[in-house]
C-alpha cells in the first residue's frame, strides 16, 4: 500500500491522525487506490471527535506530493 495511516495519542489524550504518502520513486503522486484509501481515512477521522488534528506527509526527500499520477488515473 502506498499510504500508511496511524493515530498517535498525546499525553493529554488528544489523538492525531497521520497519513503518509509512501511512493517516493513516483514523487508520491496519487493514484486511484491511494485517493480512495486517503478519502476513506479522512472521512473516518472527520467523524471521530477524538481526532484533534490530521497530519499529511510525504515519504522521501524530493517531494511531498507531485499531484495525480495521470498515467495510472487514465488506466484506471
PDB file of N, CA and C in Angstrom:
ATOM      1  N   UNK A   1       0.848  -1.175   0.000  1.00  0.00           N
ATOM      2  CA  UNK A   1       0.000   0.000   0.000  1.00  0.00           C
ATOM      3  C   UNK A   1       0.889   1.232   0.000  1.00  0.00           C
ATOM      4  N   UNK A   2       0.514   2.235  -0.748  1.00  0.00           N
ATOM      5  CA  UNK A   2       1.330   3.434  -0.871  1.00  0.00           C
ATOM      6  C   UNK A   2       0.928   4.522   0.113  1.00  0.00           C
ATOM      7  N   UNK A   3      -0.010   4.201   1.013  1.00  0.00           N
ATOM      8  CA  UNK A   3      -0.367   5.146   2.072  1.00  0.00           C
ATOM      9  C   UNK A   3      -0.336   4.395   3.393  1.00  0.00           C
ATOM     10  N   UNK A   4       0.313   4.996   4.369  1.00  0.00           N
ATOM     11  CA  UNK A   4       0.351   4.414   5.711  1.00  0.00           C
ATOM     12  C   UNK A   4      -0.378   5.375   6.642  1.00  0.00           C
ATOM     13  N   UNK A   5      -1.384   4.867   7.364  1.00  0.00           N
ATOM     14  CA  UNK A   5      -2.155   5.689   8.287  1.00  0.00           C
ATOM     15  C   UNK A   5      -1.955   5.188   9.709  1.00  0.00           C
ATOM     16  N   UNK A   6      -1.871   6.138  10.622  1.00  0.00           N
ATOM     17  CA  UNK A   6      -1.716   5.787  12.028  1.00  0.00           C
ATOM     18  C   UNK A   6      -2.319   6.889  12.877  1.00  0.00           C
ATOM     19  N   UNK A   7      -2.576   6.572  14.126  1.00  0.00           N
ATOM     20  CA  UNK A   7      -3.073   7.553  15.086  1.00  0.00           C
ATOM     21  C   UNK A   7      -2.135   7.552  16.282  1.00  0.00           C
ATOM     22  N   UNK A   8      -1.672   8.734  16.659  1.00  0.00           N
ATOM     23  CA  UNK A   8      -0.838   8.893  17.842  1.00  0.00           C
ATOM     24  C   UNK A   8      -1.640   9.619  18.913  1.00  0.00           C
ATOM     25  N   UNK A   9      -1.427   9.216  20.140  1.00  0.00           N
ATOM     26  CA  UNK A   9      -2.129   9.828  21.260  1.00  0.00           C
ATOM     27  C   UNK A   9      -1.149  10.623  22.105  1.00  0.00           C
ATOM     28  N   UNK A  10      -1.519  11.889  22.372  1.00  0.00           N
ATOM     29  CA  UNK A  10      -0.674  12.751  23.187  1.00  0.00           C
ATOM     30  C   UNK A  10      -0.865  12.483  24.669  1.00  0.00           C
ATOM     31  N   UNK A  11      -0.054  13.128  25.478  1.00  0.00           N
ATOM     32  CA  UNK A  11      -0.092  12.937  26.930  1.00  0.00           C
ATOM     33  C   UNK A  11      -1.447  13.313  27.518  1.00  0.00           C
ATOM     34  N   UNK A  12      -2.128  14.279  26.878  1.00  0.00           N
ATOM     35  CA  UNK A  12      -3.424  14.710  27.395  1.00  0.00           C
ATOM     36  C   UNK A  12      -4.589  13.905  26.809  1.00  0.00           C
ATOM     37  N   UNK A  13      -4.286  12.890  26.000  1.00  0.00           N
ATOM     38  CA  UNK A  13      -5.314  12.050  25.405  1.00  0.00           C
ATOM     39  C   UNK A  13      -5.773  12.506  24.035  1.00  0.00           C
ATOM     40  N   UNK A  14      -5.353  13.678  23.594  1.00  0.00           N
ATOM     41  CA  UNK A  14      -5.705  14.150  22.258  1.00  0.00           C
ATOM     42  C   UNK A  14      -5.070  13.231  21.221  1.00  0.00           C
ATOM     43  N   UNK A  15      -5.819  12.924  20.165  1.00  0.00           N
ATOM     44  CA  UNK A  15      -5.314  11.994  19.144  1.00  0.00           C
ATOM     45  C   UNK A  15      -5.065  12.727  17.828  1.00  0.00           C
ATOM     46  N   UNK A  16      -3.968  12.366  17.181  1.00  0.00           N
ATOM     47  CA  UNK A  16      -3.562  12.962  15.908  1.00  0.00           C
ATOM     48  C   UNK A  16      -3.538  11.875  14.852  1.00  0.00           C
ATOM     49  N   UNK A  17      -4.280  12.086  13.756  1.00  0.00           N
ATOM     50  CA  UNK A  17      -4.244  11.169  12.623  1.00  0.00           C
ATOM     51  C   UNK A  17      -3.102  11.542  11.702  1.00  0.00           C
ATOM     52  N   UNK A  18      -2.314  10.557  11.309  1.00  0.00           N
ATOM     53  CA  UNK A  18      -1.175  10.804  10.423  1.00  0.00           C
ATOM     54  C   UNK A  18      -1.308   9.907   9.192  1.00  0.00           C
ATOM     55  N   UNK A  19      -1.293  10.523   8.027  1.00  0.00           N
ATOM     56  CA  UNK A  19      -1.314   9.783   6.763  1.00  0.00           C
ATOM     57  C   UNK A  19      -0.021  10.097   6.024  1.00  0.00           C
ATOM     58  N   UNK A  20       0.730   9.058   5.689  1.00  0.00           N
ATOM     59  CA  UNK A  20       1.999   9.223   4.993  1.00  0.00           C
ATOM     60  C   UNK A  20       1.889   8.657   3.587  1.00  0.00           C
ATOM     61  N   UNK A  21       2.116   9.498   2.589  1.00  0.00           N
ATOM     62  CA  UNK A  21       2.177   9.041   1.201  1.00  0.00           C
ATOM     63  C   UNK A  21       3.521   8.347   1.038  1.00  0.00           C
ATOM     64  N   UNK A  22       3.504   7.094   0.588  1.00  0.00           N
ATOM     65  CA  UNK A  22       4.732   6.314   0.547  1.00  0.00           C
ATOM     66  C   UNK A  22       4.986   5.764  -0.855  1.00  0.00           C
ATOM     67  N   UNK A  23       5.231   6.670  -1.782  1.00  0.00           N
ATOM     68  CA  UNK A  23       5.617   6.304  -3.146  1.00  0.00           C
ATOM     69  C   UNK A  23       6.703   7.270  -3.605  1.00  0.00           C
ATOM     70  N   UNK A  24       7.854   7.281  -2.910  1.00  0.00           N
ATOM     71  CA  UNK A  24       8.867   8.295  -3.203  1.00  0.00           C
ATOM     72  C   UNK A  24       9.449   8.213  -4.612  1.00  0.00           C
ATOM     73  N   UNK A  25       9.473   7.020  -5.205  1.00  0.00           N
ATOM     74  CA  UNK A  25      10.007   6.909  -6.570  1.00  0.00           C
ATOM     75  C   UNK A  25       9.113   7.632  -7.576  1.00  0.00           C
ATOM     76  N   UNK A  26       7.817   7.768  -7.257  1.00  0.00           N
ATOM     77  CA  UNK A  26       6.873   8.490  -8.112  1.00  0.00           C
ATOM     78  C   UNK A  26       6.592   9.883  -7.548  1.00  0.00           C
ATOM     79  N   UNK A  27       7.470  10.362  -6.673  1.00  0.00           N
ATOM     80  CA  UNK A  27       7.314  11.650  -6.000  1.00  0.00           C
ATOM     81  C   UNK A  27       5.977  11.740  -5.271  1.00  0.00           C
ATOM     82  N   UNK A  28       5.523  10.588  -4.767  1.00  0.00           N
ATOM     83  CA  UNK A  28       4.276  10.466  -4.012  1.00  0.00           C
ATOM     84  C   UNK A  28       3.044  10.913  -4.801  1.00  0.00           C
ATOM     85  N   UNK A  29       3.116  10.805  -6.129  1.00  0.00           N
ATOM     86  CA  UNK A  29       1.955  11.129  -6.962  1.00  0.00           C
ATOM     87  C   UNK A  29       0.817  10.176  -6.616  1.00  0.00           C
ATOM     88  N   UNK A  30      -0.395  10.716  -6.542  1.00  0.00           N
ATOM     89  CA  UNK A  30      -1.560   9.936  -6.131  1.00  0.00           C
ATOM     90  C   UNK A  30      -2.141   9.128  -7.288  1.00  0.00           C
ATOM     91  N   UNK A  31      -2.355   7.836  -7.036  1.00  0.00           N
ATOM     92  CA  UNK A  31      -3.084   7.008  -7.996  1.00  0.00           C
ATOM     93  C   UNK A  31      -4.468   6.733  -7.409  1.00  0.00           C
ATOM     94  N   UNK A  32      -5.339   6.070  -8.147  1.00  0.00           N
ATOM     95  CA  UNK A  32      -6.714   5.874  -7.705  1.00  0.00           C
ATOM     96  C   UNK A  32      -6.813   5.112  -6.381  1.00  0.00           C
ATOM     97  N   UNK A  33      -6.093   3.996  -6.189  1.00  0.00           N
ATOM     98  CA  UNK A  33      -6.183   3.325  -4.882  1.00  0.00           C
ATOM     99  C   UNK A  33      -5.728   4.219  -3.727  1.00  0.00           C
ATOM    100  N   UNK A  34      -4.712   5.034  -3.940  1.00  0.00           N
ATOM    101  CA  UNK A  34      -4.255   5.942  -2.889  1.00  0.00           C
ATOM    102  C   UNK A  34      -5.334   6.969  -2.564  1.00  0.00           C
ATOM    103  N   UNK A  35      -5.981   7.515  -3.598  1.00  0.00           N
ATOM    104  CA  UNK A  35      -7.039   8.507  -3.400  1.00  0.00           C
ATOM    105  C   UNK A  35      -8.198   7.894  -2.624  1.00  0.00           C
ATOM    106  N   UNK A  36      -8.568   6.661  -2.977  1.00  0.00           N
ATOM    107  CA  UNK A  36      -9.681   6.004  -2.288  1.00  0.00           C
ATOM    108  C   UNK A  36      -9.359   5.751  -0.820  1.00  0.00           C
ATOM    109  N   UNK A  37      -8.168   5.233  -0.534  1.00  0.00           N
ATOM    110  CA  UNK A  37      -7.774   4.965   0.853  1.00  0.00           C
ATOM    111  C   UNK A  37      -7.705   6.269   1.642  1.00  0.00           C
ATOM    112  N   UNK A  38      -7.088   7.278   1.068  1.00  0.00           N
ATOM    113  CA  UNK A  38      -6.946   8.554   1.768  1.00  0.00           C
ATOM    114  C   UNK A  38      -8.312   9.183   2.020  1.00  0.00           C
ATOM    115  N   UNK A  39      -9.196   9.139   1.040  1.00  0.00           N
ATOM    116  CA  UNK A  39     -10.530   9.708   1.205  1.00  0.00           C
ATOM    117  C   UNK A  39     -11.308   9.018   2.308  1.00  0.00           C
ATOM    118  N   UNK A  40     -11.288   7.688   2.325  1.00  0.00           N
ATOM    119  CA  UNK A  40     -11.988   6.944   3.369  1.00  0.00           C
ATOM    120  C   UNK A  40     -11.415   7.266   4.750  1.00  0.00           C
ATOM    121  N   UNK A  41     -10.099   7.328   4.835  1.00  0.00           N
ATOM    122  CA  UNK A  41      -9.472   7.598   6.136  1.00  0.00           C
ATOM    123  C   UNK A  41      -9.774   9.002   6.622  1.00  0.00           C
ATOM    124  N   UNK A  42      -9.722   9.987   5.735  1.00  0.00           N
ATOM    125  CA  UNK A  42     -10.014  11.363   6.131  1.00  0.00           C
ATOM    126  C   UNK A  42     -11.458  11.502   6.599  1.00  0.00           C
ATOM    127  N   UNK A  43     -12.393  10.829   5.914  1.00  0.00           N
ATOM    128  CA  UNK A  43     -13.798  10.858   6.342  1.00  0.00           C
ATOM    129  C   UNK A  43     -13.958  10.208   7.715  1.00  0.00           C
ATOM    130  N   UNK A  44     -13.277   9.096   7.937  1.00  0.00           N
ATOM    131  CA  UNK A  44     -13.348   8.420   9.244  1.00  0.00           C
ATOM    132  C   UNK A  44     -12.810   9.323  10.344  1.00  0.00           C
ATOM    133  N   UNK A  45     -11.686   9.967  10.099  1.00  0.00           N
ATOM    134  CA  UNK A  45     -11.129  10.873  11.100  1.00  0.00           C
ATOM    135  C   UNK A  45     -12.051  12.068  11.333  1.00  0.00           C
ATOM    136  N   UNK A  46     -12.700  12.565  10.280  1.00  0.00           N
ATOM    137  CA  UNK A  46     -13.607  13.710  10.425  1.00  0.00           C
ATOM    138  C   UNK A  46     -14.798  13.355  11.317  1.00  0.00           C
ATOM    139  N   UNK A  47     -15.243  12.103  11.285  1.00  0.00           N
ATOM    140  CA  UNK A  47     -16.372  11.658  12.108  1.00  0.00           C
ATOM    141  C   UNK A  47     -15.966  11.349  13.550  1.00  0.00           C
ATOM    142  N   UNK A  48     -14.677  11.239  13.809  1.00  0.00           N
ATOM    143  CA  UNK A  48     -14.177  10.855  15.124  1.00  0.00           C
ATOM    144  C   UNK A  48     -13.881  12.114  15.954  1.00  0.00           C
ATOM    145  N   UNK A  49     -14.686  12.385  16.989  1.00  0.00           N
ATOM    146  CA  UNK A  49     -14.455  13.605  17.773  1.00  0.00           C
ATOM    147  C   UNK A  49     -13.154  13.583  18.566  1.00  0.00           C
ATOM    148  N   UNK A  50     -12.530  12.437  18.719  1.00  0.00           N
ATOM    149  CA  UNK A  50     -11.269  12.348  19.444  1.00  0.00           C
ATOM    150  C   UNK A  50     -10.063  12.761  18.626  1.00  0.00           C
ATOM    151  N   UNK A  51     -10.213  12.834  17.312  1.00  0.00           N
ATOM    152  CA  UNK A  51      -9.108  13.274  16.442  1.00  0.00           C
ATOM    153  C   UNK A  51      -9.112  14.801  16.420  1.00  0.00           C
ATOM    154  N   UNK A  52      -8.041  15.404  16.916  1.00  0.00           N
ATOM    155  CA  UNK A  52      -7.979  16.865  17.008  1.00  0.00           C
ATOM    156  C   UNK A  52      -7.148  17.485  15.888  1.00  0.00           C
ATOM    157  N   UNK A  53      -6.393  16.657  15.176  1.00  0.00           N
ATOM    158  CA  UNK A  53      -5.502  17.173  14.138  1.00  0.00           C
ATOM    159  C   UNK A  53      -5.187  16.043  13.162  1.00  0.00           C
ATOM    160  N   UNK A  54      -5.013  16.411  11.891  1.00  0.00           N
ATOM    161  CA  UNK A  54      -4.574  15.446  10.882  1.00  0.00           C
ATOM    162  C   UNK A  54      -3.310  15.988  10.237  1.00  0.00           C
ATOM    163  N   UNK A  55      -2.308  15.131  10.144  1.00  0.00           N
ATOM    164  CA  UNK A  55      -1.035  15.487   9.520  1.00  0.00           C
ATOM    165  C   UNK A  55      -0.870  14.648   8.254  1.00  0.00           C
ATOM    166  N   UNK A  56      -0.681  15.312   7.128  1.00  0.00           N
ATOM    167  CA  UNK A  56      -0.366  14.635   5.870  1.00  0.00           C
ATOM    168  C   UNK A  56       1.109  14.860   5.594  1.00  0.00           C
ATOM    169  N   UNK A  57       1.807  13.778   5.259  1.00  0.00           N
ATOM    170  CA  UNK A  57       3.234  13.916   4.959  1.00  0.00           C
ATOM    171  C   UNK A  57       3.603  12.985   3.816  1.00  0.00           C
ATOM    172  N   UNK A  58       4.711  13.303   3.174  1.00  0.00           N
ATOM    173  CA  UNK A  58       5.203  12.501   2.067  1.00  0.00           C
ATOM    174  C   UNK A  58       6.535  11.866   2.404  1.00  0.00           C
ATOM    175  N   UNK A  59       6.679  10.605   2.059  1.00  0.00           N
ATOM    176  CA  UNK A  59       7.937   9.886   2.275  1.00  0.00           C
ATOM    177  C   UNK A  59       8.954  10.333   1.234  1.00  0.00           C
ATOM    178  N   UNK A  60      10.205  10.437   1.623  1.00  0.00           N
ATOM    179  CA  UNK A  60      11.266  10.808   0.690  1.00  0.00           C
ATOM    180  C   UNK A  60      11.610  12.284   0.802  1.00  0.00           C
ATOM    181  N   UNK A  61      12.745  12.621   0.234  1.00  0.00           N
ATOM    182  CA  UNK A  61      13.270  13.981   0.364  1.00  0.00           C
ATOM    183  C   UNK A  61      12.923  14.897  -0.801  1.00  0.00           C
ATOM    184  N   UNK A  62      12.422  14.345  -1.907  1.00  0.00           N
ATOM    185  CA  UNK A  62      12.237  15.157  -3.106  1.00  0.00           C
ATOM    186  C   UNK A  62      10.902  15.875  -3.186  1.00  0.00           C
ATOM    187  N   UNK A  63       9.820  15.264  -2.687  1.00  0.00           N
ATOM    188  CA  UNK A  63       8.508  15.885  -2.872  1.00  0.00           C
ATOM    189  C   UNK A  63       7.518  15.402  -1.824  1.00  0.00           C
ATOM    190  N   UNK A  64       6.628  16.310  -1.414  1.00  0.00           N
ATOM    191  CA  UNK A  64       5.509  15.909  -0.571  1.00  0.00           C
ATOM    192  C   UNK A  64       4.526  15.102  -1.418  1.00  0.00           C
ATOM    193  N   UNK A  65       4.081  15.697  -2.534  1.00  0.00           N
ATOM    194  CA  UNK A  65       3.162  15.017  -3.452  1.00  0.00           C
ATOM    195  C   UNK A  65       3.204  15.752  -4.784  1.00  0.00           C
ATOM    196  N   UNK A  66       3.489  15.015  -5.846  1.00  0.00           N
ATOM    197  CA  UNK A  66       3.601  15.619  -7.165  1.00  0.00           C
ATOM    198  C   UNK A  66       2.244  15.806  -7.833  1.00  0.00           C
ATOM    199  N   UNK A  67       1.156  15.534  -7.120  1.00  0.00           N
ATOM    200  CA  UNK A  67      -0.183  15.654  -7.693  1.00  0.00           C
ATOM    201  C   UNK A  67      -0.696  14.273  -8.055  1.00  0.00           C
ATOM    202  N   UNK A  68      -1.522  14.235  -9.092  1.00  0.00           N
ATOM    203  CA  UNK A  68      -2.091  12.962  -9.524  1.00  0.00           C
ATOM    204  C   UNK A  68      -1.171  12.222 -10.469  1.00  0.00           C
ATOM    205  N   UNK A  69      -1.124  10.921 -10.335  1.00  0.00           N
ATOM    206  CA  UNK A  69      -0.383  10.061 -11.271  1.00  0.00           C
ATOM    207  C   UNK A  69      -1.279   9.902 -12.497  1.00  0.00           C
ATOM    208  N   UNK A  70      -1.136  10.801 -13.447  1.00  0.00           N
ATOM    209  CA  UNK A  70      -2.033  10.889 -14.604  1.00  0.00           C
ATOM    210  C   UNK A  70      -2.066   9.577 -15.368  1.00  0.00           C
ATOM    211  N   UNK A  71      -0.940   8.966 -15.596  1.00  0.00           N
ATOM    212  CA  UNK A  71      -0.894   7.700 -16.336  1.00  0.00           C
ATOM    213  C   UNK A  71      -1.730   6.624 -15.625  1.00  0.00           C
ATOM    214  N   UNK A  72      -1.556   6.498 -14.325  1.00  0.00           N
ATOM    215  CA  UNK A  72      -2.309   5.500 -13.568  1.00  0.00           C
ATOM    216  C   UNK A  72      -3.794   5.836 -13.515  1.00  0.00           C
ATOM    217  N   UNK A  73      -4.133   7.110 -13.388  1.00  0.00           N
ATOM    218  CA  UNK A  73      -5.544   7.503 -13.343  1.00  0.00           C
ATOM    219  C   UNK A  73      -6.245   7.251 -14.684  1.00  0.00           C
ATOM    220  N   UNK A  74      -5.562   7.499 -15.790  1.00  0.00           N
ATOM    221  CA  UNK A  74      -6.155   7.221 -17.107  1.00  0.00           C
ATOM    222  C   UNK A  74      -6.386   5.734 -17.272  1.00  0.00           C
ATOM    223  N   UNK A  75      -5.432   4.901 -16.857  1.00  0.00           N
ATOM    224  CA  UNK A  75      -5.578   3.449 -16.963  1.00  0.00           C
ATOM    225  C   UNK A  75      -6.701   2.917 -16.087  1.00  0.00           C
ATOM    226  N   UNK A  76      -6.928   3.584 -14.942  1.00  0.00           N
ATOM    227  CA  UNK A  76      -7.991   3.144 -14.024  1.00  0.00           C
ATOM    228  C   UNK A  76      -9.343   3.533 -14.579  1.00  0.00           C
TER     229      UNK A  76
END
